[in-house]
Amino acid sequence: MKKYNFDTLSEAVNTLTKDGFTEDFEAENDFIKALYSKRQYQPSELKILSSYRFEGMTNPGDQSTVFAIEAGDGTKGTLVMSYSAEHGQNVELIRQIPSHKD
């Protein structure tokens, strides 16, 4: 997968969507959900192809990471994780997703 240098989170998500990462993933309590297809995945069924980390413009504590993810069934999408107190993602589940090594 091509590695990019993005300035903003929205630029990253838009470019990855154009590259075929059209699904939005979200880490719930017991599974990773694909929001459009409504499919549910365990972390072992997914792999992180790349990730991009961003810091907030006004507050460096406002950090977020966008992950480019591919499922075993070929579904590709992004998962955005914010490091703020209100993010709502299951961080432990996200950490269980294996990373693809080039």
PDB file of N, CA and C in Angstrom:
ATOM      1  N   MET A   1       0.842  -1.178   0.000  1.00  0.00           N
ATOM      2  CA  MET A   1       0.000   0.000   0.000  1.00  0.00           C
ATOM      3  C   MET A   1       0.885   1.238   0.000  1.00  0.00           C
ATOM      4  N   LYS A   2       0.507   2.215  -0.774  1.00  0.00           N
ATOM      5  CA  LYS A   2       1.246   3.472  -0.842  1.00  0.00           C
ATOM      6  C   LYS A   2       1.174   4.191   0.499  1.00  0.00           C
ATOM      7  N   LYS A   3       2.296   4.749   0.941  1.00  0.00           N
ATOM      8  CA  LYS A   3       2.345   5.504   2.197  1.00  0.00           C
ATOM      9  C   LYS A   3       2.241   6.986   1.863  1.00  0.00           C
ATOM     10  N   TYR A   4       1.383   7.686   2.582  1.00  0.00           N
ATOM     11  CA  TYR A   4       1.132   9.105   2.333  1.00  0.00           C
ATOM     12  C   TYR A   4       1.649   9.959   3.476  1.00  0.00           C
ATOM     13  N   ASN A   5       1.784  11.254   3.206  1.00  0.00           N
ATOM     14  CA  ASN A   5       2.024  12.264   4.232  1.00  0.00           C
ATOM     15  C   ASN A   5       0.842  13.227   4.184  1.00  0.00           C
ATOM     16  N   PHE A   6      -0.020  13.141   5.191  1.00  0.00           N
ATOM     17  CA  PHE A   6      -1.211  13.980   5.234  1.00  0.00           C
ATOM     18  C   PHE A   6      -1.022  15.109   6.234  1.00  0.00           C
ATOM     19  N   ASP A   7      -1.646  16.249   5.941  1.00  0.00           N
ATOM     20  CA  ASP A   7      -1.634  17.377   6.867  1.00  0.00           C
ATOM     21  C   ASP A   7      -2.809  17.335   7.834  1.00  0.00           C
ATOM     22  N   THR A   8      -3.937  16.790   7.384  1.00  0.00           N
ATOM     23  CA  THR A   8      -5.143  16.784   8.224  1.00  0.00           C
ATOM     24  C   THR A   8      -5.806  15.413   8.204  1.00  0.00           C
ATOM     25  N   LEU A   9      -6.601  15.176   9.227  1.00  0.00           N
ATOM     26  CA  LEU A   9      -7.370  13.938   9.324  1.00  0.00           C
ATOM     27  C   LEU A   9      -8.352  13.813   8.161  1.00  0.00           C
ATOM     28  N   SER A  10      -9.041  14.903   7.832  1.00  0.00           N
ATOM     29  CA  SER A  10     -10.025  14.839   6.743  1.00  0.00           C
ATOM     30  C   SER A  10      -9.353  14.548   5.402  1.00  0.00           C
ATOM     31  N   GLU A  11      -8.159  15.090   5.183  1.00  0.00           N
ATOM     32  CA  GLU A  11      -7.414  14.796   3.955  1.00  0.00           C
ATOM     33  C   GLU A  11      -7.080  13.303   3.891  1.00  0.00           C
ATOM     34  N   ALA A  12      -6.691  12.723   5.022  1.00  0.00           N
ATOM     35  CA  ALA A  12      -6.360  11.303   5.069  1.00  0.00           C
ATOM     36  C   ALA A  12      -7.584  10.447   4.748  1.00  0.00           C
ATOM     37  N   VAL A  13      -8.688  10.721   5.406  1.00  0.00           N
ATOM     38  CA  VAL A  13      -9.906   9.926   5.183  1.00  0.00           C
ATOM     39  C   VAL A  13     -10.385  10.066   3.736  1.00  0.00           C
ATOM     40  N   ASN A  14     -10.383  11.278   3.201  1.00  0.00           N
ATOM     41  CA  ASN A  14     -10.830  11.492   1.816  1.00  0.00           C
ATOM     42  C   ASN A  14      -9.951  10.741   0.823  1.00  0.00           C
ATOM     43  N   THR A  15      -8.642  10.803   1.001  1.00  0.00           N
ATOM     44  CA  THR A  15      -7.727  10.124   0.076  1.00  0.00           C
ATOM     45  C   THR A  15      -7.865   8.613   0.189  1.00  0.00           C
ATOM     46  N   LEU A  16      -7.944   8.104   1.399  1.00  0.00           N
ATOM     47  CA  LEU A  16      -8.101   6.663   1.578  1.00  0.00           C
ATOM     48  C   LEU A  16      -9.423   6.172   1.002  1.00  0.00           C
ATOM     49  N   THR A  17     -10.474   6.959   1.130  1.00  0.00           N
ATOM     50  CA  THR A  17     -11.770   6.595   0.537  1.00  0.00           C
ATOM     51  C   THR A  17     -11.641   6.501  -0.979  1.00  0.00           C
ATOM     52  N   LYS A  18     -10.950   7.465  -1.589  1.00  0.00           N
ATOM     53  CA  LYS A  18     -10.728   7.421  -3.046  1.00  0.00           C
ATOM     54  C   LYS A  18      -9.899   6.207  -3.446  1.00  0.00           C
ATOM     55  N   ASP A  19      -9.033   5.731  -2.530  1.00  0.00           N
ATOM     56  CA  ASP A  19      -8.203   4.552  -2.789  1.00  0.00           C
ATOM     57  C   ASP A  19      -8.942   3.235  -2.527  1.00  0.00           C
ATOM     58  N   GLY A  20     -10.244   3.312  -2.224  1.00  0.00           N
ATOM     59  CA  GLY A  20     -11.041   2.104  -2.066  1.00  0.00           C
ATOM     60  C   GLY A  20     -11.371   1.720  -0.637  1.00  0.00           C
ATOM     61  N   PHE A  21     -10.945   2.508   0.324  1.00  0.00           N
ATOM     62  CA  PHE A  21     -11.259   2.243   1.729  1.00  0.00           C
ATOM     63  C   PHE A  21     -12.591   2.924   2.053  1.00  0.00           C
ATOM     64  N   THR A  22     -13.672   2.327   1.555  1.00  0.00           N
ATOM     65  CA  THR A  22     -14.975   2.993   1.556  1.00  0.00           C
ATOM     66  C   THR A  22     -15.837   2.690   2.784  1.00  0.00           C
ATOM     67  N   GLU A  23     -15.498   1.670   3.528  1.00  0.00           N
ATOM     68  CA  GLU A  23     -16.272   1.315   4.720  1.00  0.00           C
ATOM     69  C   GLU A  23     -15.780   2.140   5.914  1.00  0.00           C
ATOM     70  N   ASP A  24     -16.662   2.380   6.858  1.00  0.00           N
ATOM     71  CA  ASP A  24     -16.292   3.014   8.124  1.00  0.00           C
ATOM     72  C   ASP A  24     -16.382   1.950   9.210  1.00  0.00           C
ATOM     73  N   PHE A  25     -15.269   1.708   9.896  1.00  0.00           N
ATOM     74  CA  PHE A  25     -15.248   0.739  10.985  1.00  0.00           C
ATOM     75  C   PHE A  25     -15.344   1.469  12.319  1.00  0.00           C
ATOM     76  N   GLU A  26     -15.961   0.786  13.285  1.00  0.00           N
ATOM     77  CA  GLU A  26     -16.067   1.328  14.630  1.00  0.00           C
ATOM     78  C   GLU A  26     -15.898   0.184  15.621  1.00  0.00           C
ATOM     79  N   ALA A  27     -15.068   0.403  16.646  1.00  0.00           N
ATOM     80  CA  ALA A  27     -14.829  -0.623  17.659  1.00  0.00           C
ATOM     81  C   ALA A  27     -15.892  -0.528  18.741  1.00  0.00           C
ATOM     82  N   GLU A  28     -16.733  -1.551  18.820  1.00  0.00           N
ATOM     83  CA  GLU A  28     -17.777  -1.589  19.845  1.00  0.00           C
ATOM     84  C   GLU A  28     -17.280  -2.445  21.009  1.00  0.00           C
ATOM     85  N   ASN A  29     -18.148  -2.895  21.873  1.00  0.00           N
ATOM     86  CA  ASN A  29     -17.722  -3.652  23.056  1.00  0.00           C
ATOM     87  C   ASN A  29     -17.035  -4.967  22.713  1.00  0.00           C
ATOM     88  N   ASP A  30     -17.661  -5.775  21.848  1.00  0.00           N
ATOM     89  CA  ASP A  30     -17.173  -7.130  21.595  1.00  0.00           C
ATOM     90  C   ASP A  30     -16.754  -7.403  20.155  1.00  0.00           C
ATOM     91  N   PHE A  31     -16.859  -6.419  19.278  1.00  0.00           N
ATOM     92  CA  PHE A  31     -16.535  -6.625  17.867  1.00  0.00           C
ATOM     93  C   PHE A  31     -16.263  -5.286  17.200  1.00  0.00           C
ATOM     94  N   ILE A  32     -15.699  -5.374  16.001  1.00  0.00           N
ATOM     95  CA  ILE A  32     -15.501  -4.201  15.153  1.00  0.00           C
ATOM     96  C   ILE A  32     -16.640  -4.215  14.144  1.00  0.00           C
ATOM     97  N   LYS A  33     -17.379  -3.130  14.065  1.00  0.00           N
ATOM     98  CA  LYS A  33     -18.548  -3.074  13.188  1.00  0.00           C
ATOM     99  C   LYS A  33     -18.232  -2.244  11.943  1.00  0.00           C
ATOM    100  N   ALA A  34     -18.656  -2.766  10.790  1.00  0.00           N
ATOM    101  CA  ALA A  34     -18.621  -2.011   9.544  1.00  0.00           C
ATOM    102  C   ALA A  34     -19.958  -1.287   9.452  1.00  0.00           C
ATOM    103  N   LEU A  35     -19.920   0.024   9.505  1.00  0.00           N
ATOM    104  CA  LEU A  35     -21.155   0.797   9.659  1.00  0.00           C
ATOM    105  C   LEU A  35     -22.078   0.749   8.449  1.00  0.00           C
ATOM    106  N   TYR A  36     -21.546   0.674   7.239  1.00  0.00           N
ATOM    107  CA  TYR A  36     -22.408   0.656   6.053  1.00  0.00           C
ATOM    108  C   TYR A  36     -22.998  -0.731   5.793  1.00  0.00           C
ATOM    109  N   SER A  37     -22.150  -1.741   5.820  1.00  0.00           N
ATOM    110  CA  SER A  37     -22.619  -3.103   5.519  1.00  0.00           C
ATOM    111  C   SER A  37     -23.226  -3.788   6.738  1.00  0.00           C
ATOM    112  N   LYS A  38     -23.014  -3.235   7.926  1.00  0.00           N
ATOM    113  CA  LYS A  38     -23.508  -3.792   9.190  1.00  0.00           C
ATOM    114  C   LYS A  38     -22.837  -5.116   9.562  1.00  0.00           C
ATOM    115  N   ARG A  39     -21.737  -5.455   8.894  1.00  0.00           N
ATOM    116  CA  ARG A  39     -21.006  -6.675   9.230  1.00  0.00           C
ATOM    117  C   ARG A  39     -20.256  -6.471  10.544  1.00  0.00           C
ATOM    118  N   GLN A  40     -20.043  -7.597  11.236  1.00  0.00           N
ATOM    119  CA  GLN A  40     -19.300  -7.567  12.490  1.00  0.00           C
ATOM    120  C   GLN A  40     -18.055  -8.437  12.340  1.00  0.00           C
ATOM    121  N   TYR A  41     -16.933  -7.929  12.847  1.00  0.00           N
ATOM    122  CA  TYR A  41     -15.657  -8.630  12.728  1.00  0.00           C
ATOM    123  C   TYR A  41     -14.975  -8.733  14.075  1.00  0.00           C
ATOM    124  N   GLN A  42     -14.232  -9.800  14.242  1.00  0.00           N
ATOM    125  CA  GLN A  42     -13.308  -9.917  15.362  1.00  0.00           C
ATOM    126  C   GLN A  42     -11.962  -9.347  14.897  1.00  0.00           C
ATOM    127  N   PRO A  43     -11.145  -8.845  15.819  1.00  0.00           N
ATOM    128  CA  PRO A  43      -9.864  -8.258  15.414  1.00  0.00           C
ATOM    129  C   PRO A  43      -9.016  -9.197  14.552  1.00  0.00           C
ATOM    130  N   SER A  44      -9.081 -10.493  14.796  1.00  0.00           N
ATOM    131  CA  SER A  44      -8.290 -11.457  14.025  1.00  0.00           C
ATOM    132  C   SER A  44      -8.730 -11.555  12.564  1.00  0.00           C
ATOM    133  N   GLU A  45      -9.925 -11.058  12.247  1.00  0.00           N
ATOM    134  CA  GLU A  45     -10.433 -11.085  10.869  1.00  0.00           C
ATOM    135  C   GLU A  45     -10.026  -9.841  10.084  1.00  0.00           C
ATOM    136  N   LEU A  46      -9.303  -8.929  10.731  1.00  0.00           N
ATOM    137  CA  LEU A  46      -8.916  -7.657  10.132  1.00  0.00           C
ATOM    138  C   LEU A  46      -7.403  -7.508  10.154  1.00  0.00           C
ATOM    139  N   LYS A  47      -6.907  -6.594   9.319  1.00  0.00           N
ATOM    140  CA  LYS A  47      -5.500  -6.210   9.436  1.00  0.00           C
ATOM    141  C   LYS A  47      -5.375  -4.727   9.136  1.00  0.00           C
ATOM    142  N   ILE A  48      -4.499  -4.080   9.874  1.00  0.00           N
ATOM    143  CA  ILE A  48      -4.213  -2.666   9.667  1.00  0.00           C
ATOM    144  C   ILE A  48      -3.129  -2.570   8.602  1.00  0.00           C
ATOM    145  N   LEU A  49      -3.466  -1.942   7.479  1.00  0.00           N
ATOM    146  CA  LEU A  49      -2.504  -1.795   6.391  1.00  0.00           C
ATOM    147  C   LEU A  49      -1.610  -0.583   6.589  1.00  0.00           C
ATOM    148  N   SER A  50      -2.171   0.478   7.183  1.00  0.00           N
ATOM    149  CA  SER A  50      -1.385   1.673   7.493  1.00  0.00           C
ATOM    150  C   SER A  50      -2.139   2.496   8.524  1.00  0.00           C
ATOM    151  N   SER A  51      -1.420   3.399   9.162  1.00  0.00           N
ATOM    152  CA  SER A  51      -2.059   4.288  10.139  1.00  0.00           C
ATOM    153  C   SER A  51      -1.389   5.655  10.055  1.00  0.00           C
ATOM    154  N   TYR A  52      -2.163   6.669  10.391  1.00  0.00           N
ATOM    155  CA  TYR A  52      -1.714   8.057  10.324  1.00  0.00           C
ATOM    156  C   TYR A  52      -2.182   8.764  11.583  1.00  0.00           C
ATOM    157  N   ARG A  53      -1.255   9.403  12.273  1.00  0.00           N
ATOM    158  CA  ARG A  53      -1.568  10.061  13.551  1.00  0.00           C
ATOM    159  C   ARG A  53      -1.551  11.576  13.369  1.00  0.00           C
ATOM    160  N   PHE A  54      -2.500  12.243  14.036  1.00  0.00           N
ATOM    161  CA  PHE A  54      -2.639  13.699  13.925  1.00  0.00           C
ATOM    162  C   PHE A  54      -2.766  14.316  15.305  1.00  0.00           C
ATOM    163  N   GLU A  55      -2.212  15.508  15.460  1.00  0.00           N
ATOM    164  CA  GLU A  55      -2.376  16.286  16.686  1.00  0.00           C
ATOM    165  C   GLU A  55      -3.272  17.467  16.383  1.00  0.00           C
ATOM    166  N   GLY A  56      -4.019  17.910  17.389  1.00  0.00           N
ATOM    167  CA  GLY A  56      -4.910  19.052  17.223  1.00  0.00           C
ATOM    168  C   GLY A  56      -4.136  20.327  16.939  1.00  0.00           C
ATOM    169  N   MET A  57      -4.712  21.206  16.138  1.00  0.00           N
ATOM    170  CA  MET A  57      -4.061  22.464  15.768  1.00  0.00           C
ATOM    171  C   MET A  57      -3.898  23.393  16.972  1.00  0.00           C
ATOM    172  N   THR A  58      -4.916  23.461  17.819  1.00  0.00           N
ATOM    173  CA  THR A  58      -4.854  24.375  18.958  1.00  0.00           C
ATOM    174  C   THR A  58      -4.492  23.676  20.248  1.00  0.00           C
ATOM    175  N   ASN A  59      -4.754  22.375  20.345  1.00  0.00           N
ATOM    176  CA  ASN A  59      -4.467  21.634  21.555  1.00  0.00           C
ATOM    177  C   ASN A  59      -3.788  20.323  21.182  1.00  0.00           C
ATOM    178  N   PRO A  60      -2.477  20.190  21.433  1.00  0.00           N
ATOM    179  CA  PRO A  60      -1.780  18.941  21.092  1.00  0.00           C
ATOM    180  C   PRO A  60      -2.377  17.712  21.770  1.00  0.00           C
ATOM    181  N   GLY A  61      -3.165  17.908  22.824  1.00  0.00           N
ATOM    182  CA  GLY A  61      -3.829  16.789  23.475  1.00  0.00           C
ATOM    183  C   GLY A  61      -4.964  16.216  22.658  1.00  0.00           C
ATOM    184  N   ASP A  62      -5.436  16.968  21.663  1.00  0.00           N
ATOM    185  CA  ASP A  62      -6.497  16.479  20.772  1.00  0.00           C
ATOM    186  C   ASP A  62      -5.854  15.656  19.666  1.00  0.00           C
ATOM    187  N   GLN A  63      -5.500  14.438  19.988  1.00  0.00           N
ATOM    188  CA  GLN A  63      -4.849  13.563  19.019  1.00  0.00           C
ATOM    189  C   GLN A  63      -5.846  12.561  18.460  1.00  0.00           C
ATOM    190  N   SER A  64      -5.594  12.150  17.221  1.00  0.00           N
ATOM    191  CA  SER A  64      -6.411  11.115  16.610  1.00  0.00           C
ATOM    192  C   SER A  64      -5.545  10.310  15.657  1.00  0.00           C
ATOM    193  N   THR A  65      -5.986   9.109  15.376  1.00  0.00           N
ATOM    194  CA  THR A  65      -5.307   8.232  14.426  1.00  0.00           C
ATOM    195  C   THR A  65      -6.351   7.672  13.484  1.00  0.00           C
ATOM    196  N   VAL A  66      -6.023   7.643  12.199  1.00  0.00           N
ATOM    197  CA  VAL A  66      -6.881   6.967  11.229  1.00  0.00           C
ATOM    198  C   VAL A  66      -6.139   5.710  10.775  1.00  0.00           C
ATOM    199  N   PHE A  67      -6.859   4.588  10.806  1.00  0.00           N
ATOM    200  CA  PHE A  67      -6.314   3.305  10.400  1.00  0.00           C
ATOM    201  C   PHE A  67      -6.947   2.895   9.069  1.00  0.00           C
ATOM    202  N   ALA A  68      -6.132   2.467   8.120  1.00  0.00           N
ATOM    203  CA  ALA A  68      -6.614   1.867   6.876  1.00  0.00           C
ATOM    204  C   ALA A  68      -6.658   0.359   7.131  1.00  0.00           C
ATOM    205  N   ILE A  69      -7.857  -0.214   7.067  1.00  0.00           N
ATOM    206  CA  ILE A  69      -8.082  -1.596   7.484  1.00  0.00           C
ATOM    207  C   ILE A  69      -8.661  -2.414   6.336  1.00  0.00           C
ATOM    208  N   GLU A  70      -8.217  -3.674   6.271  1.00  0.00           N
ATOM    209  CA  GLU A  70      -8.796  -4.619   5.313  1.00  0.00           C
ATOM    210  C   GLU A  70      -9.257  -5.853   6.071  1.00  0.00           C
ATOM    211  N   ALA A  71     -10.473  -6.292   5.770  1.00  0.00           N
ATOM    212  CA  ALA A  71     -11.032  -7.502   6.370  1.00  0.00           C
ATOM    213  C   ALA A  71     -10.669  -8.714   5.518  1.00  0.00           C
ATOM    214  N   GLY A  72     -10.749  -9.877   6.125  1.00  0.00           N
ATOM    215  CA  GLY A  72     -10.459 -11.118   5.404  1.00  0.00           C
ATOM    216  C   GLY A  72     -11.365 -11.358   4.217  1.00  0.00           C
ATOM    217  N   ASP A  73     -12.572 -10.765   4.237  1.00  0.00           N
ATOM    218  CA  ASP A  73     -13.495 -10.930   3.113  1.00  0.00           C
ATOM    219  C   ASP A  73     -13.291  -9.883   2.018  1.00  0.00           C
ATOM    220  N   GLY A  74     -12.235  -9.062   2.147  1.00  0.00           N
ATOM    221  CA  GLY A  74     -11.926  -8.058   1.129  1.00  0.00           C
ATOM    222  C   GLY A  74     -12.495  -6.678   1.402  1.00  0.00           C
ATOM    223  N   THR A  75     -13.329  -6.537   2.422  1.00  0.00           N
ATOM    224  CA  THR A  75     -13.872  -5.223   2.780  1.00  0.00           C
ATOM    225  C   THR A  75     -12.734  -4.325   3.243  1.00  0.00           C
ATOM    226  N   LYS A  76     -12.691  -3.105   2.696  1.00  0.00           N
ATOM    227  CA  LYS A  76     -11.651  -2.149   3.076  1.00  0.00           C
ATOM    228  C   LYS A  76     -12.298  -0.865   3.574  1.00  0.00           C
ATOM    229  N   GLY A  77     -11.736  -0.323   4.633  1.00  0.00           N
ATOM    230  CA  GLY A  77     -12.287   0.904   5.180  1.00  0.00           C
ATOM    231  C   GLY A  77     -11.342   1.562   6.163  1.00  0.00           C
ATOM    232  N   THR A  78     -11.850   2.581   6.828  1.00  0.00           N
ATOM    233  CA  THR A  78     -11.048   3.322   7.792  1.00  0.00           C
ATOM    234  C   THR A  78     -11.707   3.254   9.171  1.00  0.00           C
ATOM    235  N   LEU A  79     -10.876   3.379  10.174  1.00  0.00           N
ATOM    236  CA  LEU A  79     -11.336   3.486  11.548  1.00  0.00           C
ATOM    237  C   LEU A  79     -10.599   4.681  12.138  1.00  0.00           C
ATOM    238  N   VAL A  80     -11.349   5.645  12.653  1.00  0.00           N
ATOM    239  CA  VAL A  80     -10.751   6.837  13.245  1.00  0.00           C
ATOM    240  C   VAL A  80     -10.885   6.727  14.758  1.00  0.00           C
ATOM    241  N   MET A  81      -9.742   6.833  15.434  1.00  0.00           N
ATOM    242  CA  MET A  81      -9.740   6.778  16.882  1.00  0.00           C
ATOM    243  C   MET A  81      -9.222   8.102  17.424  1.00  0.00           C
ATOM    244  N   SER A  82     -10.027   8.731  18.247  1.00  0.00           N
ATOM    245  CA  SER A  82      -9.653   9.969  18.916  1.00  0.00           C
ATOM    246  C   SER A  82      -9.123   9.626  20.297  1.00  0.00           C
ATOM    247  N   TYR A  83      -8.150  10.389  20.751  1.00  0.00           N
ATOM    248  CA  TYR A  83      -7.598  10.152  22.079  1.00  0.00           C
ATOM    249  C   TYR A  83      -8.224  11.064  23.115  1.00  0.00           C
ATOM    250  N   SER A  84      -9.331  11.712  22.778  1.00  0.00           N
ATOM    251  CA  SER A  84     -10.025  12.566  23.728  1.00  0.00           C
ATOM    252  C   SER A  84     -10.864  11.700  24.669  1.00  0.00           C
ATOM    253  N   ALA A  85     -11.359  12.306  25.704  1.00  0.00           N
ATOM    254  CA  ALA A  85     -12.128  11.571  26.709  1.00  0.00           C
ATOM    255  C   ALA A  85     -13.452  11.049  26.160  1.00  0.00           C
ATOM    256  N   GLU A  86     -13.986  11.657  25.102  1.00  0.00           N
ATOM    257  CA  GLU A  86     -15.304  11.281  24.587  1.00  0.00           C
ATOM    258  C   GLU A  86     -15.261  10.375  23.365  1.00  0.00           C
ATOM    259  N   HIS A  87     -14.173   9.691  23.106  1.00  0.00           N
ATOM    260  CA  HIS A  87     -14.052   8.956  21.844  1.00  0.00           C
ATOM    261  C   HIS A  87     -15.008   7.786  21.700  1.00  0.00           C
ATOM    262  N   GLY A  88     -15.271   6.993  22.731  1.00  0.00           N
ATOM    263  CA  GLY A  88     -16.250   5.920  22.662  1.00  0.00           C
ATOM    264  C   GLY A  88     -15.810   4.656  21.942  1.00  0.00           C
ATOM    265  N   GLN A  89     -14.590   4.574  21.450  1.00  0.00           N
ATOM    266  CA  GLN A  89     -14.099   3.370  20.775  1.00  0.00           C
ATOM    267  C   GLN A  89     -13.499   2.422  21.810  1.00  0.00           C
ATOM    268  N   ASN A  90     -13.581   1.129  21.556  1.00  0.00           N
ATOM    269  CA  ASN A  90     -12.970   0.123  22.411  1.00  0.00           C
ATOM    270  C   ASN A  90     -11.488   0.008  22.019  1.00  0.00           C
ATOM    271  N   VAL A  91     -10.649   0.739  22.726  1.00  0.00           N
ATOM    272  CA  VAL A  91      -9.221   0.831  22.395  1.00  0.00           C
ATOM    273  C   VAL A  91      -8.544  -0.533  22.477  1.00  0.00           C
ATOM    274  N   GLU A  92      -8.910  -1.336  23.465  1.00  0.00           N
ATOM    275  CA  GLU A  92      -8.293  -2.661  23.613  1.00  0.00           C
ATOM    276  C   GLU A  92      -8.591  -3.549  22.411  1.00  0.00           C
ATOM    277  N   LEU A  93      -9.788  -3.463  21.870  1.00  0.00           N
ATOM    278  CA  LEU A  93     -10.148  -4.239  20.690  1.00  0.00           C
ATOM    279  C   LEU A  93      -9.343  -3.777  19.476  1.00  0.00           C
ATOM    280  N   ILE A  94      -9.171  -2.477  19.340  1.00  0.00           N
ATOM    281  CA  ILE A  94      -8.387  -1.935  18.224  1.00  0.00           C
ATOM    282  C   ILE A  94      -6.947  -2.413  18.316  1.00  0.00           C
ATOM    283  N   ARG A  95      -6.395  -2.435  19.512  1.00  0.00           N
ATOM    284  CA  ARG A  95      -4.988  -2.890  19.705  1.00  0.00           C
ATOM    285  C   ARG A  95      -4.795  -4.353  19.313  1.00  0.00           C
ATOM    286  N   GLN A  96      -5.873  -5.129  19.292  1.00  0.00           N
ATOM    287  CA  GLN A  96      -5.782  -6.546  18.936  1.00  0.00           C
ATOM    288  C   GLN A  96      -5.750  -6.768  17.420  1.00  0.00           C
ATOM    289  N   ILE A  97      -6.042  -5.746  16.638  1.00  0.00           N
ATOM    290  CA  ILE A  97      -6.023  -5.904  15.178  1.00  0.00           C
ATOM    291  C   ILE A  97      -4.569  -5.985  14.727  1.00  0.00           C
ATOM    292  N   PRO A  98      -4.182  -7.058  14.039  1.00  0.00           N
ATOM    293  CA  PRO A  98      -2.795  -7.176  13.607  1.00  0.00           C
ATOM    294  C   PRO A  98      -2.440  -6.147  12.528  1.00  0.00           C
ATOM    295  N   SER A  99      -1.199  -5.710  12.567  1.00  0.00           N
ATOM    296  CA  SER A  99      -0.702  -4.770  11.550  1.00  0.00           C
ATOM    297  C   SER A  99      -0.012  -5.538  10.449  1.00  0.00           C
ATOM    298  N   HIS A 100      -0.241  -5.095   9.215  1.00  0.00           N
ATOM    299  CA  HIS A 100       0.417  -5.673   8.051  1.00  0.00           C
ATOM    300  C   HIS A 100       1.839  -5.129   7.982  1.00  0.00           C
ATOM    301  N   LYS A 101       2.800  -5.999   7.832  1.00  0.00           N
ATOM    302  CA  LYS A 101       4.197  -5.577   7.701  1.00  0.00           C
ATOM    303  C   LYS A 101       4.594  -5.643   6.240  1.00  0.00           C
ATOM    304  N   ASP A 102       5.101  -4.505   5.718  1.00  0.00           N
ATOM    305  CA  ASP A 102       5.531  -4.460   4.307  1.00  0.00           C
ATOM    306  C   ASP A 102       6.774  -5.304   4.084  1.00  0.00           C
TER     307      ASP A 102
END
